[in-house]
């Protein structure tokens, strides 16, 4: 029941806020949300998973996509939306070894 309430509150925050990106801890996991218009596919890459591909799940009847990763402290990440690299408006960024910025979760 508590998990459902947390999910509903997070969803309300997401759809009423102006940000296109949000994340929060839930137990030993980090949940990330991205709103991207009418995207057909959202892929997520993070240092938590060795930058392996993870498909984001579309939340029903919204423009929001969700991905969950283990909470192992700070990590870097980025998205690919419909085949194009997308870096959301994230509060922290870090350059990788190739000189490209990634979001940084702390």
C-alpha atoms as a PDB file:
ATOM      1  CA  UNK A   1       0.000   0.000   0.000  1.00  0.00           C
ATOM      2  CA  UNK A   2       2.793   2.435   0.892  1.00  0.00           C
ATOM      3  CA  UNK A   3       4.545   1.684  -2.416  1.00  0.00           C
ATOM      4  CA  UNK A   4       1.354   2.546  -4.298  1.00  0.00           C
ATOM      5  CA  UNK A   5       1.011   5.836  -2.412  1.00  0.00           C
ATOM      6  CA  UNK A   6       4.654   6.714  -3.150  1.00  0.00           C
ATOM      7  CA  UNK A   7       4.120   5.919  -6.834  1.00  0.00           C
ATOM      8  CA  UNK A   8       0.982   8.035  -7.021  1.00  0.00           C
ATOM      9  CA  UNK A   9       2.643  10.987  -5.303  1.00  0.00           C
ATOM     10  CA  UNK A  10       5.664  10.713  -7.604  1.00  0.00           C
ATOM     11  CA  UNK A  11       3.396  10.553 -10.638  1.00  0.00           C
ATOM     12  CA  UNK A  12       1.412  13.608  -9.539  1.00  0.00           C
ATOM     13  CA  UNK A  13       4.656  15.506  -8.966  1.00  0.00           C
ATOM     14  CA  UNK A  14       5.914  14.495 -12.395  1.00  0.00           C
ATOM     15  CA  UNK A  15       2.851  15.513 -14.355  1.00  0.00           C
ATOM     16  CA  UNK A  16       2.352  18.787 -12.516  1.00  0.00           C
ATOM     17  CA  UNK A  17       5.991  19.894 -12.455  1.00  0.00           C
ATOM     18  CA  UNK A  18       7.704  21.689 -15.312  1.00  0.00           C
ATOM     19  CA  UNK A  19      10.806  19.508 -15.342  1.00  0.00           C
ATOM     20  CA  UNK A  20      11.276  16.912 -18.058  1.00  0.00           C
ATOM     21  CA  UNK A  21      13.365  14.680 -15.824  1.00  0.00           C
ATOM     22  CA  UNK A  22      13.192  13.435 -12.244  1.00  0.00           C
ATOM     23  CA  UNK A  23      14.754  10.744 -10.095  1.00  0.00           C
ATOM     24  CA  UNK A  24      14.491   9.473  -6.553  1.00  0.00           C
ATOM     25  CA  UNK A  25      15.588   6.633  -4.322  1.00  0.00           C
ATOM     26  CA  UNK A  26      13.166   3.897  -3.390  1.00  0.00           C
ATOM     27  CA  UNK A  27      14.767   1.402  -1.042  1.00  0.00           C
ATOM     28  CA  UNK A  28      17.859  -0.044  -2.702  1.00  0.00           C
ATOM     29  CA  UNK A  29      16.835   1.235  -6.172  1.00  0.00           C
ATOM     30  CA  UNK A  30      16.886   4.552  -8.021  1.00  0.00           C
ATOM     31  CA  UNK A  31      13.878   5.355 -10.196  1.00  0.00           C
ATOM     32  CA  UNK A  32      14.391   7.787 -13.064  1.00  0.00           C
ATOM     33  CA  UNK A  33      11.637   9.425 -15.090  1.00  0.00           C
ATOM     34  CA  UNK A  34      11.906  11.229 -18.419  1.00  0.00           C
ATOM     35  CA  UNK A  35       9.165  13.091 -20.239  1.00  0.00           C
ATOM     36  CA  UNK A  36       9.756  13.309 -23.956  1.00  0.00           C
ATOM     37  CA  UNK A  37       6.725  14.256 -26.022  1.00  0.00           C
ATOM     38  CA  UNK A  38       5.628  11.457 -28.267  1.00  0.00           C
ATOM     39  CA  UNK A  39       8.801   9.364 -28.223  1.00  0.00           C
ATOM     40  CA  UNK A  40       8.480   5.874 -29.659  1.00  0.00           C
ATOM     41  CA  UNK A  41      11.506   4.433 -27.868  1.00  0.00           C
ATOM     42  CA  UNK A  42      13.646   5.543 -24.919  1.00  0.00           C
ATOM     43  CA  UNK A  43      16.884   3.736 -24.103  1.00  0.00           C
ATOM     44  CA  UNK A  44      18.893   4.321 -20.937  1.00  0.00           C
ATOM     45  CA  UNK A  45      22.624   3.850 -20.405  1.00  0.00           C
ATOM     46  CA  UNK A  46      24.384   4.179 -17.045  1.00  0.00           C
ATOM     47  CA  UNK A  47      27.711   3.487 -15.410  1.00  0.00           C
ATOM     48  CA  UNK A  48      25.810   1.379 -12.846  1.00  0.00           C
ATOM     49  CA  UNK A  49      25.270  -1.246 -15.511  1.00  0.00           C
ATOM     50  CA  UNK A  50      28.532  -0.768 -17.439  1.00  0.00           C
ATOM     51  CA  UNK A  51      26.686   1.444 -19.958  1.00  0.00           C
ATOM     52  CA  UNK A  52      24.699  -1.546 -21.158  1.00  0.00           C
ATOM     53  CA  UNK A  53      21.391  -0.891 -22.877  1.00  0.00           C
ATOM     54  CA  UNK A  54      18.275  -0.731 -20.722  1.00  0.00           C
ATOM     55  CA  UNK A  55      14.887  -0.023 -22.287  1.00  0.00           C
ATOM     56  CA  UNK A  56      12.764   2.511 -20.443  1.00  0.00           C
ATOM     57  CA  UNK A  57       9.133   1.579 -19.798  1.00  0.00           C
ATOM     58  CA  UNK A  58       6.434   4.003 -20.974  1.00  0.00           C
ATOM     59  CA  UNK A  59       3.956   4.983 -18.314  1.00  0.00           C
ATOM     60  CA  UNK A  60       0.398   4.472 -19.582  1.00  0.00           C
ATOM     61  CA  UNK A  61      -1.275   7.378 -21.367  1.00  0.00           C
ATOM     62  CA  UNK A  62       1.466   9.909 -20.529  1.00  0.00           C
ATOM     63  CA  UNK A  63       4.656  11.271 -22.075  1.00  0.00           C
ATOM     64  CA  UNK A  64       6.673   9.843 -19.163  1.00  0.00           C
ATOM     65  CA  UNK A  65       9.153   6.975 -19.380  1.00  0.00           C
ATOM     66  CA  UNK A  66      10.580   5.127 -16.371  1.00  0.00           C
ATOM     67  CA  UNK A  67      13.742   3.164 -15.672  1.00  0.00           C
ATOM     68  CA  UNK A  68      14.994   1.637 -12.413  1.00  0.00           C
ATOM     69  CA  UNK A  69      18.602   0.821 -11.498  1.00  0.00           C
ATOM     70  CA  UNK A  70      20.306  -0.475  -8.340  1.00  0.00           C
ATOM     71  CA  UNK A  71      21.340   2.256  -5.902  1.00  0.00           C
ATOM     72  CA  UNK A  72      25.099   1.919  -5.771  1.00  0.00           C
ATOM     73  CA  UNK A  73      25.891   5.559  -5.028  1.00  0.00           C
ATOM     74  CA  UNK A  74      26.862   8.119  -7.648  1.00  0.00           C
ATOM     75  CA  UNK A  75      26.655   7.179 -11.331  1.00  0.00           C
ATOM     76  CA  UNK A  76      26.598   8.798 -14.763  1.00  0.00           C
ATOM     77  CA  UNK A  77      23.897   8.257 -17.369  1.00  0.00           C
ATOM     78  CA  UNK A  78      22.291   9.425 -20.601  1.00  0.00           C
ATOM     79  CA  UNK A  79      19.324   8.509 -22.803  1.00  0.00           C
ATOM     80  CA  UNK A  80      18.834   7.746 -26.467  1.00  0.00           C
ATOM     81  CA  UNK A  81      15.388   8.861 -27.596  1.00  0.00           C
ATOM     82  CA  UNK A  82      14.215   7.607 -30.981  1.00  0.00           C
ATOM     83  CA  UNK A  83      17.813   7.020 -32.048  1.00  0.00           C
ATOM     84  CA  UNK A  84      19.259  10.366 -30.871  1.00  0.00           C
ATOM     85  CA  UNK A  85      21.355  11.003 -27.754  1.00  0.00           C
ATOM     86  CA  UNK A  86      19.366  13.003 -25.213  1.00  0.00           C
ATOM     87  CA  UNK A  87      20.771  14.635 -22.104  1.00  0.00           C
ATOM     88  CA  UNK A  88      17.933  15.937 -19.914  1.00  0.00           C
ATOM     89  CA  UNK A  89      18.102  19.057 -17.801  1.00  0.00           C
ATOM     90  CA  UNK A  90      19.943  17.397 -14.917  1.00  0.00           C
ATOM     91  CA  UNK A  91      21.406  19.311 -11.955  1.00  0.00           C
ATOM     92  CA  UNK A  92      24.855  17.691 -12.214  1.00  0.00           C
ATOM     93  CA  UNK A  93      26.898  16.866 -15.316  1.00  0.00           C
ATOM     94  CA  UNK A  94      30.272  15.284 -15.879  1.00  0.00           C
ATOM     95  CA  UNK A  95      32.492  14.940 -18.947  1.00  0.00           C
ATOM     96  CA  UNK A  96      33.353  11.408 -19.949  1.00  0.00           C
ATOM     97  CA  UNK A  97      36.623  10.155 -21.478  1.00  0.00           C
ATOM     98  CA  UNK A  98      35.407  11.225 -24.931  1.00  0.00           C
ATOM     99  CA  UNK A  99      34.714  14.844 -23.930  1.00  0.00           C
ATOM    100  CA  UNK A 100      30.940  14.389 -23.975  1.00  0.00           C
ATOM    101  CA  UNK A 101      28.749  15.366 -21.026  1.00  0.00           C
ATOM    102  CA  UNK A 102      26.628  12.843 -19.142  1.00  0.00           C
ATOM    103  CA  UNK A 103      24.199  13.418 -16.292  1.00  0.00           C
ATOM    104  CA  UNK A 104      25.581  12.629 -12.851  1.00  0.00           C
ATOM    105  CA  UNK A 105      23.374  11.140 -10.148  1.00  0.00           C
ATOM    106  CA  UNK A 106      24.572  11.709  -6.575  1.00  0.00           C
END
